[in-house]
PDB file of N, CA and C in Angstrom:
ATOM      1  N   MET A   1     131.648 123.805  68.787  1.00  0.00           N
ATOM      2  CA  MET A   1     130.024 123.521  68.680  1.00  0.00           C
ATOM      3  C   MET A   1     129.743 122.575  67.784  1.00  0.00           C
ATOM      4  N   ASP A   2     128.829 121.734  67.923  1.00  0.00           N
ATOM      5  CA  ASP A   2     128.489 120.680  66.895  1.00  0.00           C
ATOM      6  C   ASP A   2     127.766 121.351  65.900  1.00  0.00           C
ATOM      7  N   LYS A   3     127.335 120.509  64.666  1.00  0.00           N
ATOM      8  CA  LYS A   3     126.781 121.257  63.272  1.00  0.00           C
ATOM      9  C   LYS A   3     125.364 121.412  63.497  1.00  0.00           C
ATOM     10  N   ASP A   4     124.702 120.617  64.459  1.00  0.00           N
ATOM     11  CA  ASP A   4     123.203 120.763  64.761  1.00  0.00           C
ATOM     12  C   ASP A   4     122.956 122.051  65.336  1.00  0.00           C
ATOM     13  N   LYS A   5     123.848 122.401  66.437  1.00  0.00           N
ATOM     14  CA  LYS A   5     123.761 123.763  67.127  1.00  0.00           C
ATOM     15  C   LYS A   5     123.904 124.978  66.110  1.00  0.00           C
ATOM     16  N   VAL A   6     124.954 125.054  65.334  1.00  0.00           N
ATOM     17  CA  VAL A   6     125.114 125.776  64.332  1.00  0.00           C
ATOM     18  C   VAL A   6     124.075 125.982  63.348  1.00  0.00           C
ATOM     19  N   LYS A   7     123.345 124.926  62.860  1.00  0.00           N
ATOM     20  CA  LYS A   7     122.089 125.173  62.100  1.00  0.00           C
ATOM     21  C   LYS A   7     121.211 125.873  62.557  1.00  0.00           C
ATOM     22  N   VAL A   8     121.011 125.448  63.909  1.00  0.00           N
ATOM     23  CA  VAL A   8     119.697 126.047  64.907  1.00  0.00           C
ATOM     24  C   VAL A   8     120.140 127.609  64.872  1.00  0.00           C
ATOM     25  N   ILE A   9     121.188 127.994  65.277  1.00  0.00           N
ATOM     26  CA  ILE A   9     121.778 129.073  65.424  1.00  0.00           C
ATOM     27  C   ILE A   9     121.285 130.271  64.107  1.00  0.00           C
ATOM     28  N   LYS A  10     121.887 129.364  62.906  1.00  0.00           N
ATOM     29  CA  LYS A  10     121.709 130.154  61.679  1.00  0.00           C
ATOM     30  C   LYS A  10     120.305 130.119  61.246  1.00  0.00           C
ATOM     31  N   ARG A  11     119.225 129.399  61.681  1.00  0.00           N
ATOM     32  CA  ARG A  11     117.993 129.399  61.258  1.00  0.00           C
ATOM     33  C   ARG A  11     117.261 130.355  62.289  1.00  0.00           C
ATOM     34  N   CYS A  12     117.706 130.509  63.595  1.00  0.00           N
ATOM     35  CA  CYS A  12     117.230 131.648  64.395  1.00  0.00           C
ATOM     36  C   CYS A  12     117.434 133.009  63.850  1.00  0.00           C
ATOM     37  N   GLN A  13     118.601 133.240  63.342  1.00  0.00           N
ATOM     38  CA  GLN A  13     119.194 134.427  62.743  1.00  0.00           C
ATOM     39  C   GLN A  13     118.330 134.946  61.458  1.00  0.00           C
ATOM     40  N   LYS A  14     117.923 133.762  60.643  1.00  0.00           N
ATOM     41  CA  LYS A  14     117.024 134.027  59.539  1.00  0.00           C
ATOM     42  C   LYS A  14     115.713 134.249  60.008  1.00  0.00           C
ATOM     43  N   SER A  15     115.166 133.682  60.786  1.00  0.00           N
ATOM     44  CA  SER A  15     113.779 133.774  61.174  1.00  0.00           C
ATOM     45  C   SER A  15     113.348 134.236  62.486  1.00  0.00           C
ATOM     46  N   PRO A  16     112.898 135.353  62.697  1.00  0.00           N
ATOM     47  CA  PRO A  16     112.549 135.786  64.225  1.00  0.00           C
ATOM     48  C   PRO A  16     111.516 135.075  64.729  1.00  0.00           C
ATOM     49  N   GLY A  17     110.374 134.351  63.809  1.00  0.00           N
ATOM     50  CA  GLY A  17     109.465 133.489  64.236  1.00  0.00           C
ATOM     51  C   GLY A  17     109.740 132.200  64.671  1.00  0.00           C
ATOM     52  N   PHE A  18     110.890 131.718  64.097  1.00  0.00           N
ATOM     53  CA  PHE A  18     111.439 130.438  64.574  1.00  0.00           C
ATOM     54  C   PHE A  18     111.646 130.538  65.901  1.00  0.00           C
ATOM     55  N   PHE A  19     112.722 131.614  66.076  1.00  0.00           N
ATOM     56  CA  PHE A  19     113.540 131.883  67.194  1.00  0.00           C
ATOM     57  C   PHE A  19     112.571 132.145  68.573  1.00  0.00           C
ATOM     58  N   LEU A  20     111.592 132.975  68.181  1.00  0.00           N
ATOM     59  CA  LEU A  20     110.693 133.200  69.303  1.00  0.00           C
ATOM     60  C   LEU A  20     109.864 132.093  69.911  1.00  0.00           C
ATOM     61  N   GLU A  21     109.549 131.194  68.872  1.00  0.00           N
ATOM     62  CA  GLU A  21     108.647 130.082  69.168  1.00  0.00           C
ATOM     63  C   GLU A  21     109.398 129.020  69.787  1.00  0.00           C
ATOM     64  N   LYS A  22     110.472 128.726  69.342  1.00  0.00           N
ATOM     65  CA  LYS A  22     111.585 127.606  69.906  1.00  0.00           C
ATOM     66  C   LYS A  22     112.198 127.954  70.958  1.00  0.00           C
ATOM     67  N   PHE A  23     112.411 129.420  71.434  1.00  0.00           N
ATOM     68  CA  PHE A  23     113.072 129.529  72.602  1.00  0.00           C
ATOM     69  C   PHE A  23     112.803 130.471  73.595  1.00  0.00           C
ATOM     70  N   CYS A  24     111.707 131.362  73.132  1.00  0.00           N
ATOM     71  CA  CYS A  24     111.267 132.477  74.130  1.00  0.00           C
ATOM     72  C   CYS A  24     109.802 132.241  74.975  1.00  0.00           C
ATOM     73  N   LYS A  25     109.835 132.599  75.972  1.00  0.00           N
ATOM     74  CA  LYS A  25     108.697 132.471  76.903  1.00  0.00           C
ATOM     75  C   LYS A  25     108.300 133.691  76.985  1.00  0.00           C
ATOM     76  N   ILE A  26     106.788 133.880  77.227  1.00  0.00           N
ATOM     77  CA  ILE A  26     105.981 135.008  77.767  1.00  0.00           C
ATOM     78  C   ILE A  26     105.462 135.029  78.980  1.00  0.00           C
ATOM     79  N   GLN A  27     105.199 136.238  79.481  1.00  0.00           N
ATOM     80  CA  GLN A  27     104.383 136.282  80.826  1.00  0.00           C
ATOM     81  C   GLN A  27     102.813 136.453  80.665  1.00  0.00           C
ATOM     82  N   HIS A  28     102.180 135.228  80.979  1.00  0.00           N
ATOM     83  CA  HIS A  28     100.610 135.361  80.623  1.00  0.00           C
ATOM     84  C   HIS A  28     100.015 135.862  81.932  1.00  0.00           C
ATOM     85  N   PRO A  29      99.038 136.928  81.928  1.00  0.00           N
ATOM     86  CA  PRO A  29      98.664 137.164  83.146  1.00  0.00           C
ATOM     87  C   PRO A  29      97.859 136.183  84.138  1.00  0.00           C
ATOM     88  N   LYS A  30      97.226 134.901  83.875  1.00  0.00           N
ATOM     89  CA  LYS A  30      96.705 133.939  84.489  1.00  0.00           C
ATOM     90  C   LYS A  30      97.581 132.861  84.434  1.00  0.00           C
ATOM     91  N   LEU A  31      98.225 132.273  83.546  1.00  0.00           N
ATOM     92  CA  LEU A  31      99.003 131.123  83.323  1.00  0.00           C
ATOM     93  C   LEU A  31     100.577 131.218  83.756  1.00  0.00           C
ATOM     94  N   GLY A  32     100.807 132.511  84.037  1.00  0.00           N
ATOM     95  CA  GLY A  32     102.532 132.655  84.419  1.00  0.00           C
ATOM     96  C   GLY A  32     103.284 132.570  82.940  1.00  0.00           C
ATOM     97  N   ILE A  33     104.279 131.900  83.211  1.00  0.00           N
ATOM     98  CA  ILE A  33     105.320 131.814  82.114  1.00  0.00           C
ATOM     99  C   ILE A  33     104.857 130.776  81.274  1.00  0.00           C
ATOM    100  N   ILE A  34     104.670 131.025  79.851  1.00  0.00           N
ATOM    101  CA  ILE A  34     104.273 129.926  79.011  1.00  0.00           C
ATOM    102  C   ILE A  34     105.177 130.332  77.750  1.00  0.00           C
ATOM    103  N   PRO A  35     105.317 129.099  76.740  1.00  0.00           N
ATOM    104  CA  PRO A  35     105.843 129.320  75.550  1.00  0.00           C
ATOM    105  C   PRO A  35     105.330 130.059  74.557  1.00  0.00           C
ATOM    106  N   PHE A  36     106.225 130.952  73.899  1.00  0.00           N
ATOM    107  CA  PHE A  36     105.748 131.959  72.965  1.00  0.00           C
ATOM    108  C   PHE A  36     105.149 131.149  71.644  1.00  0.00           C
ATOM    109  N   SER A  37     103.968 131.148  71.592  1.00  0.00           N
ATOM    110  CA  SER A  37     103.215 130.578  70.454  1.00  0.00           C
ATOM    111  C   SER A  37     102.554 131.725  69.436  1.00  0.00           C
ATOM    112  N   LEU A  38     103.129 132.030  68.323  1.00  0.00           N
ATOM    113  CA  LEU A  38     102.577 132.917  67.426  1.00  0.00           C
ATOM    114  C   LEU A  38     101.276 132.826  66.869  1.00  0.00           C
ATOM    115  N   PHE A  39     100.351 133.799  66.846  1.00  0.00           N
ATOM    116  CA  PHE A  39      99.246 133.853  66.032  1.00  0.00           C
ATOM    117  C   PHE A  39      99.547 134.231  64.716  1.00  0.00           C
ATOM    118  N   GLY A  40      98.746 133.938  63.528  1.00  0.00           N
ATOM    119  CA  GLY A  40      98.779 134.400  62.466  1.00  0.00           C
ATOM    120  C   GLY A  40      99.221 135.640  62.029  1.00  0.00           C
ATOM    121  N   TYR A  41      98.594 136.618  62.749  1.00  0.00           N
ATOM    122  CA  TYR A  41      98.884 138.053  62.419  1.00  0.00           C
ATOM    123  C   TYR A  41      99.930 138.464  62.937  1.00  0.00           C
ATOM    124  N   GLN A  42     100.473 137.823  64.059  1.00  0.00           N
ATOM    125  CA  GLN A  42     101.679 138.167  64.583  1.00  0.00           C
ATOM    126  C   GLN A  42     102.973 137.641  63.634  1.00  0.00           C
ATOM    127  N   LYS A  43     102.737 136.660  63.197  1.00  0.00           N
ATOM    128  CA  LYS A  43     103.708 136.059  62.036  1.00  0.00           C
ATOM    129  C   LYS A  43     103.743 137.312  60.779  1.00  0.00           C
ATOM    130  N   LYS A  44     102.473 137.758  60.538  1.00  0.00           N
ATOM    131  CA  LYS A  44     102.358 138.724  59.522  1.00  0.00           C
ATOM    132  C   LYS A  44     103.236 139.978  60.042  1.00  0.00           C
ATOM    133  N   CYS A  45     103.189 140.205  61.200  1.00  0.00           N
ATOM    134  CA  CYS A  45     103.673 141.607  61.799  1.00  0.00           C
ATOM    135  C   CYS A  45     105.480 141.196  61.618  1.00  0.00           C
ATOM    136  N   LEU A  46     105.842 140.112  61.878  1.00  0.00           N
ATOM    137  CA  LEU A  46     107.179 139.816  61.799  1.00  0.00           C
ATOM    138  C   LEU A  46     107.729 140.003  60.448  1.00  0.00           C
ATOM    139  N   SER A  47     106.870 139.382  59.447  1.00  0.00           N
ATOM    140  CA  SER A  47     107.239 139.413  58.149  1.00  0.00           C
ATOM    141  C   SER A  47     107.221 141.030  57.773  1.00  0.00           C
ATOM    142  N   ASP A  48     106.317 141.652  58.133  1.00  0.00           N
ATOM    143  CA  ASP A  48     106.340 143.181  57.742  1.00  0.00           C
ATOM    144  C   ASP A  48     107.248 144.011  58.429  1.00  0.00           C
ATOM    145  N   PHE A  49     107.926 143.614  59.572  1.00  0.00           N
ATOM    146  CA  PHE A  49     108.867 144.478  60.263  1.00  0.00           C
ATOM    147  C   PHE A  49     110.203 144.072  59.335  1.00  0.00           C
ATOM    148  N   LEU A  50     110.260 142.871  58.827  1.00  0.00           N
ATOM    149  CA  LEU A  50     111.642 142.482  58.079  1.00  0.00           C
ATOM    150  C   LEU A  50     111.312 143.218  56.629  1.00  0.00           C
ATOM    151  N   LYS A  51     110.274 143.389  56.033  1.00  0.00           N
ATOM    152  CA  LYS A  51     110.241 143.919  54.562  1.00  0.00           C
ATOM    153  C   LYS A  51     110.165 145.394  54.525  1.00  0.00           C
ATOM    154  N   HIS A  52     109.590 146.261  55.756  1.00  0.00           N
ATOM    155  CA  HIS A  52     109.322 147.619  55.753  1.00  0.00           C
ATOM    156  C   HIS A  52     110.090 148.148  56.946  1.00  0.00           C
ATOM    157  N   ARG A  53     110.812 149.372  56.606  1.00  0.00           N
ATOM    158  CA  ARG A  53     111.282 150.221  57.608  1.00  0.00           C
ATOM    159  C   ARG A  53     110.442 150.659  58.779  1.00  0.00           C
ATOM    160  N   PHE A  54     109.588 151.391  58.244  1.00  0.00           N
ATOM    161  CA  PHE A  54     108.330 151.721  59.157  1.00  0.00           C
ATOM    162  C   PHE A  54     107.197 151.059  58.910  1.00  0.00           C
ATOM    163  N   ASN A  55     106.555 150.690  60.332  1.00  0.00           N
ATOM    164  CA  ASN A  55     105.145 150.005  60.427  1.00  0.00           C
ATOM    165  C   ASN A  55     104.248 150.947  61.060  1.00  0.00           C
ATOM    166  N   ILE A  56     103.069 150.951  60.689  1.00  0.00           N
ATOM    167  CA  ILE A  56     102.060 151.561  61.549  1.00  0.00           C
ATOM    168  C   ILE A  56     100.954 150.659  61.846  1.00  0.00           C
ATOM    169  N   PHE A  57     100.534 150.473  63.069  1.00  0.00           N
ATOM    170  CA  PHE A  57      99.415 149.551  63.408  1.00  0.00           C
ATOM    171  C   PHE A  57      98.171 150.224  63.982  1.00  0.00           C
ATOM    172  N   LYS A  58      97.003 149.883  63.535  1.00  0.00           N
ATOM    173  CA  LYS A  58      95.829 150.202  64.124  1.00  0.00           C
ATOM    174  C   LYS A  58      95.502 149.073  64.954  1.00  0.00           C
ATOM    175  N   LYS A  59      95.763 149.328  66.343  1.00  0.00           N
ATOM    176  CA  LYS A  59      95.867 148.520  67.230  1.00  0.00           C
ATOM    177  C   LYS A  59      94.695 148.485  68.293  1.00  0.00           C
ATOM    178  N   VAL A  60      94.347 147.226  68.859  1.00  0.00           N
ATOM    179  CA  VAL A  60      93.458 147.126  70.012  1.00  0.00           C
ATOM    180  C   VAL A  60      94.298 146.477  71.157  1.00  0.00           C
ATOM    181  N   ARG A  61      93.499 146.994  72.421  1.00  0.00           N
ATOM    182  CA  ARG A  61      94.424 146.366  73.668  1.00  0.00           C
ATOM    183  C   ARG A  61      94.334 144.957  73.525  1.00  0.00           C
ATOM    184  N   GLN A  62      95.276 144.401  74.033  1.00  0.00           N
ATOM    185  CA  GLN A  62      95.285 142.736  74.304  1.00  0.00           C
ATOM    186  C   GLN A  62      95.370 141.980  72.868  1.00  0.00           C
ATOM    187  N   SER A  63      96.080 142.698  72.016  1.00  0.00           N
ATOM    188  CA  SER A  63      96.186 141.911  70.772  1.00  0.00           C
ATOM    189  C   SER A  63      97.632 141.189  70.636  1.00  0.00           C
ATOM    190  N   GLY A  64      98.672 141.624  71.443  1.00  0.00           N
ATOM    191  CA  GLY A  64      99.854 140.944  71.576  1.00  0.00           C
ATOM    192  C   GLY A  64     101.054 141.695  70.596  1.00  0.00           C
ATOM    193  N   ILE A  65     100.432 143.154  70.139  1.00  0.00           N
ATOM    194  CA  ILE A  65     101.269 143.563  69.278  1.00  0.00           C
ATOM    195  C   ILE A  65     102.791 144.118  69.920  1.00  0.00           C
ATOM    196  N   SER A  66     102.529 144.568  71.147  1.00  0.00           N
ATOM    197  CA  SER A  66     103.649 144.940  71.980  1.00  0.00           C
ATOM    198  C   SER A  66     104.273 143.898  72.137  1.00  0.00           C
ATOM    199  N   THR A  67     103.998 142.472  72.461  1.00  0.00           N
ATOM    200  CA  THR A  67     104.774 141.461  72.790  1.00  0.00           C
ATOM    201  C   THR A  67     105.397 141.247  71.692  1.00  0.00           C
ATOM    202  N   ILE A  68     104.840 141.279  70.422  1.00  0.00           N
ATOM    203  CA  ILE A  68     105.692 140.846  69.227  1.00  0.00           C
ATOM    204  C   ILE A  68     106.863 141.777  68.649  1.00  0.00           C
ATOM    205  N   ALA A  69     106.313 143.057  68.999  1.00  0.00           N
ATOM    206  CA  ALA A  69     107.406 144.063  68.844  1.00  0.00           C
ATOM    207  C   ALA A  69     108.429 144.033  69.954  1.00  0.00           C
ATOM    208  N   GLY A  70     108.422 143.640  71.129  1.00  0.00           N
ATOM    209  CA  GLY A  70     109.440 143.431  71.955  1.00  0.00           C
ATOM    210  C   GLY A  70     110.152 142.137  71.569  1.00  0.00           C
ATOM    211  N   GLY A  71     109.605 141.100  71.206  1.00  0.00           N
ATOM    212  CA  GLY A  71     110.299 139.905  70.574  1.00  0.00           C
ATOM    213  C   GLY A  71     111.170 140.213  69.573  1.00  0.00           C
ATOM    214  N   PHE A  72     110.659 140.995  68.550  1.00  0.00           N
ATOM    215  CA  PHE A  72     111.698 141.360  67.241  1.00  0.00           C
ATOM    216  C   PHE A  72     112.483 142.143  67.689  1.00  0.00           C
ATOM    217  N   ALA A  73     112.213 143.134  68.587  1.00  0.00           N
ATOM    218  CA  ALA A  73     113.456 143.909  69.354  1.00  0.00           C
ATOM    219  C   ALA A  73     114.692 143.219  69.911  1.00  0.00           C
ATOM    220  N   LEU A  74     114.361 141.995  70.398  1.00  0.00           N
ATOM    221  CA  LEU A  74     115.101 141.306  71.241  1.00  0.00           C
ATOM    222  C   LEU A  74     115.841 140.281  70.141  1.00  0.00           C
ATOM    223  N   TRP A  75     115.137 139.746  69.114  1.00  0.00           N
ATOM    224  CA  TRP A  75     115.870 139.103  68.087  1.00  0.00           C
ATOM    225  C   TRP A  75     116.887 139.813  67.293  1.00  0.00           C
ATOM    226  N   TYR A  76     116.447 141.064  66.858  1.00  0.00           N
ATOM    227  CA  TYR A  76     117.217 141.878  66.095  1.00  0.00           C
ATOM    228  C   TYR A  76     118.631 142.669  67.109  1.00  0.00           C
ATOM    229  N   ALA A  77     118.388 142.523  68.391  1.00  0.00           N
ATOM    230  CA  ALA A  77     119.599 142.780  69.140  1.00  0.00           C
ATOM    231  C   ALA A  77     120.484 141.800  69.194  1.00  0.00           C
ATOM    232  N   MET A  78     119.895 140.734  69.341  1.00  0.00           N
ATOM    233  CA  MET A  78     120.867 139.244  69.647  1.00  0.00           C
ATOM    234  C   MET A  78     121.582 138.850  68.118  1.00  0.00           C
ATOM    235  N   PHE A  79     121.028 139.127  67.111  1.00  0.00           N
ATOM    236  CA  PHE A  79     121.617 138.699  65.766  1.00  0.00           C
ATOM    237  C   PHE A  79     122.277 139.695  64.904  1.00  0.00           C
ATOM    238  N   TYR A  80     122.075 140.844  65.082  1.00  0.00           N
ATOM    239  CA  TYR A  80     122.545 141.981  64.295  1.00  0.00           C
ATOM    240  C   TYR A  80     123.576 142.946  65.102  1.00  0.00           C
ATOM    241  N   ASN A  81     124.903 142.887  65.071  1.00  0.00           N
ATOM    242  CA  ASN A  81     125.713 143.932  65.665  1.00  0.00           C
ATOM    243  C   ASN A  81     125.603 145.585  65.122  1.00  0.00           C
ATOM    244  N   ASN A  82     126.101 146.062  66.116  1.00  0.00           N
ATOM    245  CA  ASN A  82     126.049 147.707  66.173  1.00  0.00           C
ATOM    246  C   ASN A  82     124.731 148.255  65.368  1.00  0.00           C
ATOM    247  N   LYS A  83     123.567 147.864  66.322  1.00  0.00           N
ATOM    248  CA  LYS A  83     122.423 148.304  65.865  1.00  0.00           C
ATOM    249  C   LYS A  83     121.716 149.031  66.998  1.00  0.00           C
ATOM    250  N   ASN A  84     121.081 150.183  66.659  1.00  0.00           N
ATOM    251  CA  ASN A  84     120.273 150.933  67.813  1.00  0.00           C
ATOM    252  C   ASN A  84     119.031 150.448  67.810  1.00  0.00           C
ATOM    253  N   ILE A  85     118.379 150.368  68.961  1.00  0.00           N
ATOM    254  CA  ILE A  85     116.896 150.072  69.015  1.00  0.00           C
ATOM    255  C   ILE A  85     116.368 151.127  70.106  1.00  0.00           C
ATOM    256  N   LEU A  86     115.261 152.105  69.554  1.00  0.00           N
ATOM    257  CA  LEU A  86     114.916 152.747  70.303  1.00  0.00           C
ATOM    258  C   LEU A  86     113.296 152.457  70.797  1.00  0.00           C
ATOM    259  N   ILE A  87     112.988 152.691  72.245  1.00  0.00           N
ATOM    260  CA  ILE A  87     111.748 152.560  72.667  1.00  0.00           C
ATOM    261  C   ILE A  87     111.249 153.959  73.017  1.00  0.00           C
ATOM    262  N   VAL A  88     110.053 154.056  72.358  1.00  0.00           N
ATOM    263  CA  VAL A  88     109.604 155.491  72.591  1.00  0.00           C
ATOM    264  C   VAL A  88     108.212 155.421  73.303  1.00  0.00           C
ATOM    265  N   SER A  89     107.871 156.403  74.238  1.00  0.00           N
ATOM    266  CA  SER A  89     106.724 156.426  74.732  1.00  0.00           C
ATOM    267  C   SER A  89     106.486 157.610  75.510  1.00  0.00           C
ATOM    268  N   LYS A  90     105.190 157.975  75.753  1.00  0.00           N
ATOM    269  CA  LYS A  90     104.762 159.328  76.362  1.00  0.00           C
ATOM    270  C   LYS A  90     105.735 159.699  77.583  1.00  0.00           C
ATOM    271  N   ARG A  91     105.887 158.658  78.605  1.00  0.00           N
ATOM    272  CA  ARG A  91     106.534 158.831  79.785  1.00  0.00           C
ATOM    273  C   ARG A  91     107.859 157.737  79.767  1.00  0.00           C
ATOM    274  N   ASP A  92     109.046 158.170  80.385  1.00  0.00           N
ATOM    275  CA  ASP A  92     110.283 157.228  80.627  1.00  0.00           C
ATOM    276  C   ASP A  92     109.727 155.918  81.332  1.00  0.00           C
ATOM    277  N   ASP A  93     108.774 156.233  82.482  1.00  0.00           N
ATOM    278  CA  ASP A  93     108.290 154.804  83.053  1.00  0.00           C
ATOM    279  C   ASP A  93     107.375 153.626  82.016  1.00  0.00           C
ATOM    280  N   ASP A  94     106.620 154.297  81.144  1.00  0.00           N
ATOM    281  CA  ASP A  94     106.132 153.591  80.253  1.00  0.00           C
ATOM    282  C   ASP A  94     107.133 152.678  79.303  1.00  0.00           C
ATOM    283  N   ALA A  95     108.053 153.292  78.635  1.00  0.00           N
ATOM    284  CA  ALA A  95     109.161 152.827  78.069  1.00  0.00           C
ATOM    285  C   ALA A  95     109.677 151.735  78.930  1.00  0.00           C
ATOM    286  N   MET A  96     110.138 151.962  79.995  1.00  0.00           N
ATOM    287  CA  MET A  96     110.915 151.056  80.913  1.00  0.00           C
ATOM    288  C   MET A  96     110.189 149.983  81.125  1.00  0.00           C
ATOM    289  N   ASP A  97     108.700 150.080  81.385  1.00  0.00           N
ATOM    290  CA  ASP A  97     107.873 149.149  81.678  1.00  0.00           C
ATOM    291  C   ASP A  97     107.691 148.117  80.347  1.00  0.00           C
ATOM    292  N   PHE A  98     107.746 148.845  78.931  1.00  0.00           N
ATOM    293  CA  PHE A  98     107.598 147.942  78.011  1.00  0.00           C
ATOM    294  C   PHE A  98     108.778 147.083  77.876  1.00  0.00           C
ATOM    295  N   LEU A  99     109.938 147.578  78.188  1.00  0.00           N
ATOM    296  CA  LEU A  99     111.358 147.058  77.971  1.00  0.00           C
ATOM    297  C   LEU A  99     111.242 145.563  79.058  1.00  0.00           C
ATOM    298  N   LYS A 100     110.742 145.981  80.306  1.00  0.00           N
ATOM    299  CA  LYS A 100     110.796 144.945  81.221  1.00  0.00           C
ATOM    300  C   LYS A 100     109.868 143.987  80.696  1.00  0.00           C
ATOM    301  N   ARG A 101     108.661 144.171  80.490  1.00  0.00           N
ATOM    302  CA  ARG A 101     107.571 143.220  80.149  1.00  0.00           C
ATOM    303  C   ARG A 101     107.571 142.477  78.908  1.00  0.00           C
ATOM    304  N   ASN A 102     108.264 143.056  77.914  1.00  0.00           N
ATOM    305  CA  ASN A 102     108.225 142.874  76.705  1.00  0.00           C
ATOM    306  C   ASN A 102     109.501 141.980  75.942  1.00  0.00           C
ATOM    307  N   VAL A 103     110.525 142.654  76.573  1.00  0.00           N
ATOM    308  CA  VAL A 103     112.015 142.288  76.228  1.00  0.00           C
ATOM    309  C   VAL A 103     112.841 141.324  77.208  1.00  0.00           C
ATOM    310  N   LYS A 104     112.702 142.128  78.465  1.00  0.00           N
ATOM    311  CA  LYS A 104     113.585 141.209  79.682  1.00  0.00           C
ATOM    312  C   LYS A 104     112.875 140.045  79.664  1.00  0.00           C
ATOM    313  N   VAL A 105     111.814 139.831  79.922  1.00  0.00           N
ATOM    314  CA  VAL A 105     110.943 138.563  80.296  1.00  0.00           C
ATOM    315  C   VAL A 105     111.434 137.442  79.235  1.00  0.00           C
ATOM    316  N   LEU A 106     111.483 137.810  77.846  1.00  0.00           N
ATOM    317  CA  LEU A 106     111.777 137.040  76.784  1.00  0.00           C
ATOM    318  C   LEU A 106     113.217 136.606  77.063  1.00  0.00           C
ATOM    319  N   TYR A 107     114.159 137.649  77.179  1.00  0.00           N
ATOM    320  CA  TYR A 107     115.544 137.463  77.283  1.00  0.00           C
ATOM    321  C   TYR A 107     115.672 136.382  78.548  1.00  0.00           C
ATOM    322  N   ASP A 108     115.231 136.723  79.575  1.00  0.00           N
ATOM    323  CA  ASP A 108     115.453 135.765  80.756  1.00  0.00           C
ATOM    324  C   ASP A 108     115.198 134.530  80.772  1.00  0.00           C
ATOM    325  N   SER A 109     113.900 134.316  79.586  1.00  0.00           N
ATOM    326  CA  SER A 109     113.674 132.776  79.529  1.00  0.00           C
ATOM    327  C   SER A 109     114.537 132.107  78.650  1.00  0.00           C
ATOM    328  N   LEU A 110     115.770 132.728  77.868  1.00  0.00           N
ATOM    329  CA  LEU A 110     116.432 132.164  77.044  1.00  0.00           C
ATOM    330  C   LEU A 110     117.272 130.902  77.747  1.00  0.00           C
ATOM    331  N   PRO A 111     117.447 129.684  76.968  1.00  0.00           N
ATOM    332  CA  PRO A 111     118.614 128.720  77.571  1.00  0.00           C
ATOM    333  C   PRO A 111     119.783 129.151  77.672  1.00  0.00           C
TER     334      PRO A 111
END
């Protein structure tokens, strides 16, 4: 593997924001598959995920918090060995839907 690829992989491991914006795509309801472009508050969420073990959000619908949480879970799973990631919801179907929409779509878009 050449040195440039190693540098990019190391940068991805250090920065979930870089990884998500550089390599991941999301499903937009009207535009289809589009590049993952983070909003400022989503970058703050990623920073908070890294700094704090527990995070509580007072959130509204359509703010992209589920998408950023799924993206962070994917990044964490890819770059840290022997970790468990738990997706909790009221029903199993809701948790599986979250996994499908917010993690699997991003994973399938990777080069």
